[in-house]
Amino acid sequence: MRFLSLAIAVLVVGVSATLVAKQPSKESAPKGMDCTMYTKPYKATEYGAFPLPKGLEWKVMPRYVGMQENGDRIVDERVTLVLVDREKRFWPVISKMSLHEARDLHKKLGDVIADKEKAEAVKDKQVDNAAEEAVEGEEE
């Protein structure tokens, strides 16, 4: 659980810092990225970390719709990425981003996934080759 908490913090901070740094000037760009972490239903460790439960899911939405404390409805048209805790009916992470930032995140995730898939294919090929060599060695 600590790893998940750390991974989320790194993802949110890293993506936010990376994407905001590459954002066009404020005059030509819509609102930047807002990332918020909420911890209310979770207990802090002695070190101040808030481990999140297993089974959380990422959800991507075309906009954010919520309520302010006074009951007023909030609509934010930016692409929204949330981490959903269904059991607690809670979103511990909410990240709202412009289309530019969302496209950049999409590209970066695609690049990482492609690299991981290539690495797995190479690893699988090496395992297959080793198995073939072992069988050939037994036949001799």
N, C-alpha and C. Protein backbone atom coordinates (compact mmCIF):
# COMPACT_ATOMS: atom_id res chain seq x y z
N MET A 1 0.82 -1.19 0.00
CA MET A 1 0.00 0.00 0.00
C MET A 1 0.86 1.26 0.00
N ARG A 2 1.98 1.22 0.72
CA ARG A 2 2.86 2.38 0.72
C ARG A 2 3.37 2.67 -0.68
N PHE A 3 3.65 1.58 -1.42
CA PHE A 3 4.14 1.77 -2.79
C PHE A 3 3.09 2.47 -3.62
N LEU A 4 1.81 2.05 -3.49
CA LEU A 4 0.74 2.68 -4.26
C LEU A 4 0.63 4.15 -3.91
N SER A 5 0.68 4.48 -2.63
CA SER A 5 0.61 5.89 -2.22
C SER A 5 1.75 6.69 -2.82
N LEU A 6 2.95 6.14 -2.73
CA LEU A 6 4.13 6.83 -3.27
C LEU A 6 4.01 6.95 -4.79
N ALA A 7 3.57 5.88 -5.44
CA ALA A 7 3.45 5.89 -6.90
C ALA A 7 2.45 6.96 -7.34
N ILE A 8 1.35 7.08 -6.63
CA ILE A 8 0.34 8.07 -6.99
C ILE A 8 0.92 9.47 -6.81
N ALA A 9 1.59 9.69 -5.69
CA ALA A 9 2.18 11.01 -5.44
C ALA A 9 3.20 11.36 -6.51
N VAL A 10 4.04 10.39 -6.87
CA VAL A 10 5.05 10.62 -7.90
C VAL A 10 4.38 10.89 -9.24
N LEU A 11 3.35 10.10 -9.57
CA LEU A 11 2.63 10.29 -10.83
C LEU A 11 2.03 11.68 -10.90
N VAL A 12 1.31 12.06 -9.87
CA VAL A 12 0.63 13.35 -9.89
C VAL A 12 1.64 14.50 -9.94
N VAL A 13 2.65 14.44 -9.07
CA VAL A 13 3.63 15.51 -9.04
C VAL A 13 4.46 15.51 -10.32
N GLY A 14 4.91 14.34 -10.75
CA GLY A 14 5.74 14.24 -11.95
C GLY A 14 5.00 14.67 -13.20
N VAL A 15 3.79 14.18 -13.37
CA VAL A 15 3.02 14.55 -14.56
C VAL A 15 2.70 16.03 -14.51
N SER A 16 2.30 16.52 -13.35
CA SER A 16 1.96 17.93 -13.23
C SER A 16 3.17 18.81 -13.56
N ALA A 17 4.30 18.50 -12.97
CA ALA A 17 5.49 19.31 -13.20
C ALA A 17 5.94 19.24 -14.66
N THR A 18 5.91 18.05 -15.22
CA THR A 18 6.36 17.88 -16.60
C THR A 18 5.42 18.58 -17.57
N LEU A 19 4.14 18.39 -17.39
CA LEU A 19 3.18 18.94 -18.35
C LEU A 19 3.04 20.45 -18.21
N VAL A 20 3.04 20.96 -17.01
CA VAL A 20 2.91 22.40 -16.83
C VAL A 20 4.13 23.10 -17.41
N ALA A 21 5.29 22.50 -17.29
CA ALA A 21 6.50 23.11 -17.81
C ALA A 21 6.44 23.27 -19.33
N LYS A 22 5.73 22.37 -20.01
CA LYS A 22 5.67 22.41 -21.47
C LYS A 22 4.43 23.12 -21.99
N GLN A 23 3.60 23.62 -21.09
CA GLN A 23 2.35 24.26 -21.49
C GLN A 23 2.61 25.56 -22.24
N PRO A 24 1.79 25.85 -23.26
CA PRO A 24 1.94 27.12 -23.97
C PRO A 24 1.69 28.30 -23.03
N SER A 25 1.96 29.49 -23.50
CA SER A 25 1.77 30.68 -22.66
C SER A 25 0.34 30.76 -22.16
N LYS A 26 0.16 31.41 -21.01
CA LYS A 26 -1.16 31.51 -20.39
C LYS A 26 -2.16 32.23 -21.29
N GLU A 27 -1.68 33.12 -22.14
CA GLU A 27 -2.58 33.86 -23.01
C GLU A 27 -3.24 32.95 -24.04
N SER A 28 -2.50 31.94 -24.53
CA SER A 28 -3.05 31.09 -25.58
C SER A 28 -3.59 29.77 -25.06
N ALA A 29 -3.32 29.44 -23.80
CA ALA A 29 -3.72 28.14 -23.27
C ALA A 29 -4.89 28.28 -22.31
N PRO A 30 -5.76 27.24 -22.31
CA PRO A 30 -6.82 27.22 -21.29
C PRO A 30 -6.19 26.97 -19.93
N LYS A 31 -7.01 26.90 -18.91
CA LYS A 31 -6.52 26.65 -17.57
C LYS A 31 -5.48 25.55 -17.56
N GLY A 32 -4.51 25.66 -16.68
CA GLY A 32 -3.49 24.62 -16.54
C GLY A 32 -4.02 23.41 -15.82
N MET A 33 -3.12 22.66 -15.24
CA MET A 33 -3.49 21.44 -14.55
C MET A 33 -3.70 21.72 -13.07
N ASP A 34 -4.75 21.15 -12.53
CA ASP A 34 -5.00 21.16 -11.08
C ASP A 34 -4.99 19.72 -10.62
N CYS A 35 -4.15 19.42 -9.65
CA CYS A 35 -4.12 18.08 -9.05
C CYS A 35 -4.37 18.21 -7.56
N THR A 36 -5.29 17.42 -7.07
CA THR A 36 -5.61 17.47 -5.66
C THR A 36 -5.66 16.06 -5.09
N MET A 37 -5.10 15.90 -3.90
CA MET A 37 -5.17 14.63 -3.19
C MET A 37 -6.00 14.84 -1.92
N TYR A 38 -6.96 13.97 -1.71
CA TYR A 38 -7.82 14.03 -0.53
C TYR A 38 -7.58 12.79 0.32
N THR A 39 -7.53 12.97 1.62
CA THR A 39 -7.19 11.85 2.50
C THR A 39 -8.20 11.62 3.62
N LYS A 40 -9.29 12.34 3.64
CA LYS A 40 -10.23 12.32 4.76
C LYS A 40 -10.58 10.92 5.28
N PRO A 41 -10.95 9.95 4.43
CA PRO A 41 -11.37 8.66 4.99
C PRO A 41 -10.21 7.72 5.34
N TYR A 42 -8.98 8.15 5.15
CA TYR A 42 -7.84 7.27 5.36
C TYR A 42 -7.07 7.69 6.61
N LYS A 43 -6.44 6.72 7.25
CA LYS A 43 -5.67 7.00 8.47
C LYS A 43 -4.20 7.17 8.13
N ALA A 44 -3.59 8.16 8.75
CA ALA A 44 -2.17 8.44 8.53
C ALA A 44 -1.32 7.45 9.32
N THR A 45 -0.17 7.12 8.75
CA THR A 45 0.81 6.30 9.46
C THR A 45 1.58 7.22 10.41
N GLU A 46 2.44 6.62 11.20
CA GLU A 46 3.26 7.42 12.11
C GLU A 46 4.18 8.38 11.36
N TYR A 47 4.40 8.11 10.08
CA TYR A 47 5.27 8.96 9.25
C TYR A 47 4.49 10.00 8.46
N GLY A 48 3.17 10.04 8.65
CA GLY A 48 2.36 11.04 7.97
C GLY A 48 1.89 10.63 6.58
N ALA A 49 2.17 9.39 6.19
CA ALA A 49 1.69 8.89 4.89
C ALA A 49 0.25 8.40 5.04
N PHE A 50 -0.48 8.41 3.94
CA PHE A 50 -1.85 7.93 3.93
C PHE A 50 -1.95 6.75 2.96
N PRO A 51 -1.67 5.54 3.42
CA PRO A 51 -1.76 4.39 2.52
C PRO A 51 -3.19 4.22 2.01
N LEU A 52 -3.30 3.97 0.72
CA LEU A 52 -4.61 3.79 0.11
C LEU A 52 -4.93 2.31 0.03
N PRO A 53 -6.21 1.97 0.09
CA PRO A 53 -6.59 0.55 0.03
C PRO A 53 -6.35 -0.04 -1.35
N LYS A 54 -6.35 -1.36 -1.42
CA LYS A 54 -6.24 -2.04 -2.71
C LYS A 54 -7.55 -1.91 -3.45
N GLY A 55 -7.49 -2.15 -4.75
CA GLY A 55 -8.71 -2.19 -5.55
C GLY A 55 -9.19 -0.84 -6.06
N LEU A 56 -8.37 0.19 -5.97
CA LEU A 56 -8.77 1.48 -6.52
C LEU A 56 -8.64 1.45 -8.04
N GLU A 57 -9.42 2.27 -8.71
CA GLU A 57 -9.42 2.27 -10.17
C GLU A 57 -9.26 3.70 -10.70
N TRP A 58 -8.53 3.83 -11.81
CA TRP A 58 -8.43 5.12 -12.50
C TRP A 58 -9.66 5.29 -13.39
N LYS A 59 -10.18 6.49 -13.45
CA LYS A 59 -11.32 6.81 -14.31
C LYS A 59 -11.00 8.11 -15.03
N VAL A 60 -11.26 8.15 -16.34
CA VAL A 60 -11.04 9.35 -17.15
C VAL A 60 -12.41 9.88 -17.56
N MET A 61 -12.60 11.19 -17.37
CA MET A 61 -13.89 11.81 -17.68
C MET A 61 -13.68 13.04 -18.56
N PRO A 62 -14.64 13.37 -19.41
CA PRO A 62 -14.49 14.53 -20.30
C PRO A 62 -14.58 15.87 -19.56
N ARG A 63 -15.12 15.88 -18.36
CA ARG A 63 -15.25 17.10 -17.56
C ARG A 63 -15.42 16.71 -16.10
N TYR A 64 -15.24 17.70 -15.22
CA TYR A 64 -15.46 17.49 -13.79
C TYR A 64 -16.78 18.13 -13.41
N VAL A 65 -17.64 17.38 -12.75
CA VAL A 65 -18.90 17.91 -12.24
C VAL A 65 -18.94 17.56 -10.75
N GLY A 66 -19.10 18.58 -9.91
CA GLY A 66 -19.13 18.35 -8.46
C GLY A 66 -19.96 19.40 -7.76
N MET A 67 -19.84 19.41 -6.44
CA MET A 67 -20.59 20.36 -5.61
C MET A 67 -19.64 21.08 -4.67
N GLN A 68 -19.87 22.37 -4.52
CA GLN A 68 -19.13 23.13 -3.53
C GLN A 68 -19.75 22.86 -2.16
N GLU A 69 -19.05 23.27 -1.10
CA GLU A 69 -19.56 23.05 0.25
C GLU A 69 -20.93 23.71 0.46
N ASN A 70 -21.19 24.81 -0.23
CA ASN A 70 -22.47 25.51 -0.07
C ASN A 70 -23.58 24.91 -0.94
N GLY A 71 -23.27 23.83 -1.68
CA GLY A 71 -24.28 23.17 -2.50
C GLY A 71 -24.31 23.61 -3.95
N ASP A 72 -23.56 24.65 -4.30
CA ASP A 72 -23.52 25.11 -5.69
C ASP A 72 -22.82 24.07 -6.56
N ARG A 73 -23.35 23.88 -7.75
CA ARG A 73 -22.78 22.92 -8.70
C ARG A 73 -21.53 23.50 -9.36
N ILE A 74 -20.50 22.64 -9.52
CA ILE A 74 -19.26 23.04 -10.19
C ILE A 74 -19.17 22.23 -11.48
N VAL A 75 -18.88 22.90 -12.59
CA VAL A 75 -18.59 22.22 -13.85
C VAL A 75 -17.28 22.77 -14.37
N ASP A 76 -16.31 21.89 -14.55
CA ASP A 76 -15.01 22.27 -15.10
C ASP A 76 -14.83 21.45 -16.36
N GLU A 77 -14.70 22.11 -17.49
CA GLU A 77 -14.67 21.43 -18.79
C GLU A 77 -13.34 20.75 -19.13
N ARG A 78 -12.36 20.83 -18.26
CA ARG A 78 -11.08 20.17 -18.54
C ARG A 78 -11.21 18.66 -18.42
N VAL A 79 -10.38 17.94 -19.16
CA VAL A 79 -10.31 16.48 -19.05
C VAL A 79 -9.95 16.17 -17.60
N THR A 80 -10.62 15.18 -17.02
CA THR A 80 -10.43 14.88 -15.60
C THR A 80 -10.06 13.42 -15.40
N LEU A 81 -9.00 13.21 -14.62
CA LEU A 81 -8.53 11.88 -14.26
C LEU A 81 -8.72 11.75 -12.75
N VAL A 82 -9.47 10.73 -12.33
CA VAL A 82 -9.70 10.53 -10.90
C VAL A 82 -9.32 9.11 -10.50
N LEU A 83 -8.91 8.96 -9.26
CA LEU A 83 -8.67 7.66 -8.67
C LEU A 83 -9.89 7.37 -7.82
N VAL A 84 -10.58 6.26 -8.10
CA VAL A 84 -11.87 5.98 -7.48
C VAL A 84 -11.74 4.90 -6.41
N ASP A 85 -12.22 5.20 -5.22
CA ASP A 85 -12.36 4.23 -4.14
C ASP A 85 -13.85 3.93 -4.04
N ARG A 86 -14.29 2.87 -4.73
CA ARG A 86 -15.72 2.55 -4.78
C ARG A 86 -16.28 2.21 -3.40
N GLU A 87 -15.51 1.47 -2.62
CA GLU A 87 -15.98 1.05 -1.31
C GLU A 87 -16.34 2.24 -0.43
N LYS A 88 -15.51 3.27 -0.44
CA LYS A 88 -15.75 4.45 0.39
C LYS A 88 -16.53 5.54 -0.36
N ARG A 89 -16.80 5.28 -1.66
CA ARG A 89 -17.48 6.28 -2.49
C ARG A 89 -16.73 7.61 -2.41
N PHE A 90 -15.43 7.52 -2.77
CA PHE A 90 -14.53 8.64 -2.56
C PHE A 90 -13.51 8.70 -3.69
N TRP A 91 -13.06 9.90 -4.02
CA TRP A 91 -12.01 10.10 -5.02
C TRP A 91 -10.79 10.70 -4.32
N PRO A 92 -9.79 9.89 -3.97
CA PRO A 92 -8.62 10.44 -3.30
C PRO A 92 -7.72 11.30 -4.20
N VAL A 93 -7.79 11.11 -5.50
CA VAL A 93 -6.98 11.92 -6.42
C VAL A 93 -7.88 12.45 -7.53
N ILE A 94 -7.82 13.76 -7.75
CA ILE A 94 -8.54 14.39 -8.85
C ILE A 94 -7.54 15.25 -9.59
N SER A 95 -7.41 15.00 -10.89
CA SER A 95 -6.50 15.79 -11.72
C SER A 95 -7.28 16.30 -12.93
N LYS A 96 -7.36 17.63 -13.04
CA LYS A 96 -8.05 18.27 -14.17
C LYS A 96 -6.98 18.89 -15.06
N MET A 97 -7.07 18.61 -16.37
CA MET A 97 -6.02 19.09 -17.28
C MET A 97 -6.61 19.58 -18.60
N SER A 98 -5.88 20.49 -19.21
CA SER A 98 -6.29 21.01 -20.52
C SER A 98 -6.14 19.92 -21.58
N LEU A 99 -6.71 20.17 -22.75
CA LEU A 99 -6.54 19.21 -23.85
C LEU A 99 -5.08 19.02 -24.20
N HIS A 100 -4.31 20.09 -24.18
CA HIS A 100 -2.88 20.01 -24.47
C HIS A 100 -2.20 19.05 -23.49
N GLU A 101 -2.48 19.23 -22.22
CA GLU A 101 -1.87 18.37 -21.19
C GLU A 101 -2.35 16.93 -21.32
N ALA A 102 -3.64 16.75 -21.61
CA ALA A 102 -4.18 15.40 -21.76
C ALA A 102 -3.55 14.69 -22.95
N ARG A 103 -3.37 15.40 -24.06
CA ARG A 103 -2.71 14.81 -25.23
C ARG A 103 -1.27 14.43 -24.91
N ASP A 104 -0.57 15.29 -24.19
CA ASP A 104 0.82 15.01 -23.82
C ASP A 104 0.89 13.79 -22.91
N LEU A 105 0.00 13.70 -21.93
CA LEU A 105 -0.04 12.53 -21.05
C LEU A 105 -0.35 11.27 -21.86
N HIS A 106 -1.31 11.36 -22.77
CA HIS A 106 -1.67 10.23 -23.63
C HIS A 106 -0.47 9.73 -24.42
N LYS A 107 0.26 10.66 -25.01
CA LYS A 107 1.45 10.30 -25.79
C LYS A 107 2.51 9.65 -24.90
N LYS A 108 2.76 10.25 -23.75
CA LYS A 108 3.79 9.70 -22.85
C LYS A 108 3.40 8.33 -22.33
N LEU A 109 2.14 8.13 -21.98
CA LEU A 109 1.70 6.80 -21.55
C LEU A 109 1.83 5.80 -22.70
N GLY A 110 1.45 6.21 -23.90
CA GLY A 110 1.60 5.34 -25.08
C GLY A 110 3.04 4.95 -25.32
N ASP A 111 3.95 5.91 -25.18
CA ASP A 111 5.38 5.62 -25.37
C ASP A 111 5.88 4.62 -24.33
N VAL A 112 5.50 4.82 -23.08
CA VAL A 112 5.94 3.92 -22.01
C VAL A 112 5.37 2.52 -22.22
N ILE A 113 4.10 2.45 -22.58
CA ILE A 113 3.47 1.15 -22.82
C ILE A 113 4.15 0.43 -23.98
N ALA A 114 4.42 1.14 -25.06
CA ALA A 114 5.09 0.54 -26.22
C ALA A 114 6.47 0.01 -25.82
N ASP A 115 7.22 0.79 -25.05
CA ASP A 115 8.54 0.34 -24.59
C ASP A 115 8.44 -0.90 -23.72
N LYS A 116 7.46 -0.91 -22.81
CA LYS A 116 7.27 -2.08 -21.93
C LYS A 116 6.90 -3.32 -22.74
N GLU A 117 6.02 -3.14 -23.74
CA GLU A 117 5.61 -4.27 -24.57
C GLU A 117 6.79 -4.82 -25.37
N LYS A 118 7.64 -3.94 -25.88
CA LYS A 118 8.84 -4.38 -26.60
C LYS A 118 9.76 -5.16 -25.68
N ALA A 119 9.97 -4.66 -24.46
CA ALA A 119 10.83 -5.32 -23.49
C ALA A 119 10.28 -6.70 -23.13
N GLU A 120 8.96 -6.80 -22.96
CA GLU A 120 8.35 -8.09 -22.64
C GLU A 120 8.49 -9.06 -23.80
N ALA A 121 8.35 -8.57 -25.03
CA ALA A 121 8.50 -9.42 -26.21
C ALA A 121 9.92 -9.96 -26.29
N VAL A 122 10.92 -9.11 -26.02
CA VAL A 122 12.31 -9.55 -26.03
C VAL A 122 12.53 -10.61 -24.95
N LYS A 123 12.00 -10.36 -23.76
CA LYS A 123 12.14 -11.30 -22.66
C LYS A 123 11.49 -12.64 -23.00
N ASP A 124 10.28 -12.61 -23.57
CA ASP A 124 9.59 -13.84 -23.97
C ASP A 124 10.40 -14.60 -25.01
N LYS A 125 10.98 -13.88 -25.97
CA LYS A 125 11.80 -14.50 -27.01
C LYS A 125 13.03 -15.18 -26.38
N GLN A 126 13.66 -14.52 -25.41
CA GLN A 126 14.82 -15.10 -24.74
C GLN A 126 14.43 -16.37 -23.99
N VAL A 127 13.29 -16.36 -23.33
CA VAL A 127 12.82 -17.55 -22.61
C VAL A 127 12.55 -18.68 -23.60
N ASP A 128 11.90 -18.36 -24.72
CA ASP A 128 11.63 -19.38 -25.74
C ASP A 128 12.92 -19.96 -26.29
N ASN A 129 13.90 -19.09 -26.57
CA ASN A 129 15.18 -19.56 -27.09
C ASN A 129 15.89 -20.46 -26.08
N ALA A 130 15.86 -20.09 -24.82
CA ALA A 130 16.50 -20.89 -23.78
C ALA A 130 15.82 -22.25 -23.66
N ALA A 131 14.51 -22.29 -23.78
CA ALA A 131 13.76 -23.55 -23.69
C ALA A 131 14.10 -24.44 -24.89
N GLU A 132 14.19 -23.83 -26.08
CA GLU A 132 14.55 -24.61 -27.27
C GLU A 132 15.97 -25.18 -27.14
N GLU A 133 16.90 -24.39 -26.63
CA GLU A 133 18.27 -24.85 -26.45
C GLU A 133 18.33 -26.00 -25.45
N ALA A 134 17.51 -25.91 -24.39
CA ALA A 134 17.49 -26.97 -23.39
C ALA A 134 16.96 -28.27 -23.98
N VAL A 135 15.92 -28.17 -24.81
CA VAL A 135 15.37 -29.36 -25.46
C VAL A 135 16.38 -29.95 -26.43
N GLU A 136 17.05 -29.11 -27.20
CA GLU A 136 18.06 -29.59 -28.14
C GLU A 136 19.21 -30.26 -27.40
N GLY A 137 19.59 -29.72 -26.26
CA GLY A 137 20.66 -30.30 -25.46
C GLY A 137 20.29 -31.67 -24.92
N GLU A 138 19.03 -31.88 -24.59
CA GLU A 138 18.57 -33.18 -24.08
C GLU A 138 18.54 -34.22 -25.20
N GLU A 139 18.28 -33.77 -26.42
CA GLU A 139 18.17 -34.70 -27.54
C GLU A 139 19.54 -35.23 -27.96
N GLU A 140 20.60 -34.49 -27.66
CA GLU A 140 21.94 -34.90 -28.11
C GLU A 140 22.51 -35.94 -27.26
